[in-house]
Amino acid sequence: MSKFKIPVQTVHSGILQENAIMLGDKSMKRLKIPAHGIIHLSFGSFRQEVTVIPVPKADSLRVSEGLARRLGWRGRPVLNASYSTSSRILRLVR
């Protein structure tokens, strides 16, 4: 399980649904996350099943405004990310 810091960007809810995240190709390769796969996103006690949409030439995690609001994220946080391939959980920690 690899870990690294990843910047988070919020996108308009009309562009991205709350059950999907956009992740840069480089980050997906480093974390070994399958493209267009369904994984669990975990932050503190929050956990939700999401679909991963790959984004070429991006090195950030993009989430909808609604999901960012539910998670209590303001601005552009940089979080520690780790992914467990066996349980398919993307864990984010401040």
Protein backbone atom coordinates (compact mmCIF):
# COMPACT_ATOMS: atom_id res chain seq x y z
CA MET A 1 0.00 0.00 0.00
CA SER A 2 1.63 3.24 -1.13
CA LYS A 3 0.98 6.63 0.46
CA PHE A 4 1.46 10.15 -0.82
CA LYS A 5 0.05 13.66 -0.59
CA ILE A 6 -2.59 14.66 -3.10
CA PRO A 7 -4.20 18.09 -3.68
CA VAL A 8 -8.01 18.16 -3.77
CA GLN A 9 -10.01 20.30 -6.20
CA THR A 10 -13.74 20.92 -6.00
CA VAL A 11 -15.76 20.97 -9.23
CA HIS A 12 -19.31 22.11 -9.87
CA SER A 13 -21.92 19.54 -8.90
CA GLY A 14 -23.44 19.70 -12.40
CA ILE A 15 -20.15 18.40 -13.84
CA LEU A 16 -19.49 15.60 -11.40
CA GLN A 17 -21.94 13.49 -9.41
CA GLU A 18 -21.45 12.87 -5.69
CA ASN A 19 -20.82 9.17 -6.27
CA ALA A 20 -17.87 9.79 -8.61
CA ILE A 21 -14.37 11.19 -8.25
CA MET A 22 -11.83 12.26 -10.86
CA LEU A 23 -8.24 11.21 -10.30
CA GLY A 24 -5.11 11.94 -12.31
CA ASP A 25 -3.52 9.10 -14.27
CA LYS A 26 -0.23 9.44 -12.38
CA SER A 27 -1.98 9.21 -9.02
CA MET A 28 -3.99 6.19 -10.16
CA LYS A 29 -0.82 4.39 -11.22
CA ARG A 30 1.01 5.23 -7.97
CA LEU A 31 -1.92 4.01 -5.88
CA LYS A 32 -2.75 1.09 -8.22
CA ILE A 33 -6.40 2.11 -8.55
CA PRO A 34 -8.28 0.55 -11.49
CA ALA A 35 -9.67 3.00 -14.09
CA HIS A 36 -13.46 3.30 -14.13
CA GLY A 37 -13.57 0.97 -11.14
CA ILE A 38 -15.88 1.22 -8.16
CA ILE A 39 -14.02 1.75 -4.88
CA HIS A 40 -14.78 2.97 -1.36
CA LEU A 41 -13.71 6.50 -0.42
CA SER A 42 -12.90 6.86 3.28
CA PHE A 43 -12.23 10.06 5.23
CA GLY A 44 -12.53 9.87 9.03
CA SER A 45 -15.81 8.11 9.81
CA PHE A 46 -17.20 8.91 6.33
CA ARG A 47 -17.27 6.10 3.79
CA GLN A 48 -18.93 6.04 0.37
CA GLU A 49 -18.78 3.90 -2.74
CA VAL A 50 -17.55 5.96 -5.71
CA THR A 51 -16.65 5.46 -9.35
CA VAL A 52 -13.14 6.55 -10.34
CA ILE A 53 -12.86 8.59 -13.54
CA PRO A 54 -9.28 8.90 -14.87
CA VAL A 55 -8.05 12.35 -15.91
CA PRO A 56 -4.99 12.55 -18.18
CA LYS A 57 -2.16 14.89 -17.20
CA ALA A 58 -3.67 15.79 -13.82
CA ASP A 59 -2.09 15.20 -10.46
CA SER A 60 -5.05 15.90 -8.20
CA LEU A 61 -8.25 14.46 -6.81
CA ARG A 62 -11.43 16.18 -8.01
CA VAL A 63 -14.69 15.86 -6.11
CA SER A 64 -18.11 17.49 -6.45
CA GLU A 65 -19.04 20.51 -4.35
CA GLY A 66 -21.69 18.43 -2.58
CA LEU A 67 -19.25 15.69 -1.60
CA ALA A 68 -16.66 18.25 -0.44
CA ARG A 69 -19.35 19.93 1.69
CA ARG A 70 -20.36 16.59 3.26
CA LEU A 71 -16.71 15.90 4.09
CA GLY A 72 -16.19 19.37 5.58
CA TRP A 73 -13.48 20.35 3.09
CA ARG A 74 -12.99 24.06 2.41
CA GLY A 75 -10.59 25.61 -0.02
CA ARG A 76 -8.09 23.25 -1.62
CA PRO A 77 -6.85 20.81 1.01
CA VAL A 78 -3.81 18.61 0.48
CA LEU A 79 -4.47 15.18 1.95
CA ASN A 80 -2.50 12.01 2.52
CA ALA A 81 -3.85 9.25 0.31
CA SER A 82 -3.43 5.49 0.52
CA TYR A 83 -5.22 2.70 -1.32
CA SER A 84 -5.76 -0.90 -0.29
CA THR A 85 -6.15 -3.13 -3.34
CA SER A 86 -7.56 -6.03 -1.34
CA SER A 87 -10.41 -4.04 0.26
CA ARG A 88 -10.66 -1.40 -2.54
CA ILE A 89 -10.57 1.50 -0.05
CA LEU A 90 -9.04 4.89 -0.86
CA ARG A 91 -8.22 6.39 2.55
CA LEU A 92 -7.72 10.13 2.83
CA VAL A 93 -6.23 11.72 5.94
CA ARG A 94 -5.36 15.34 6.76
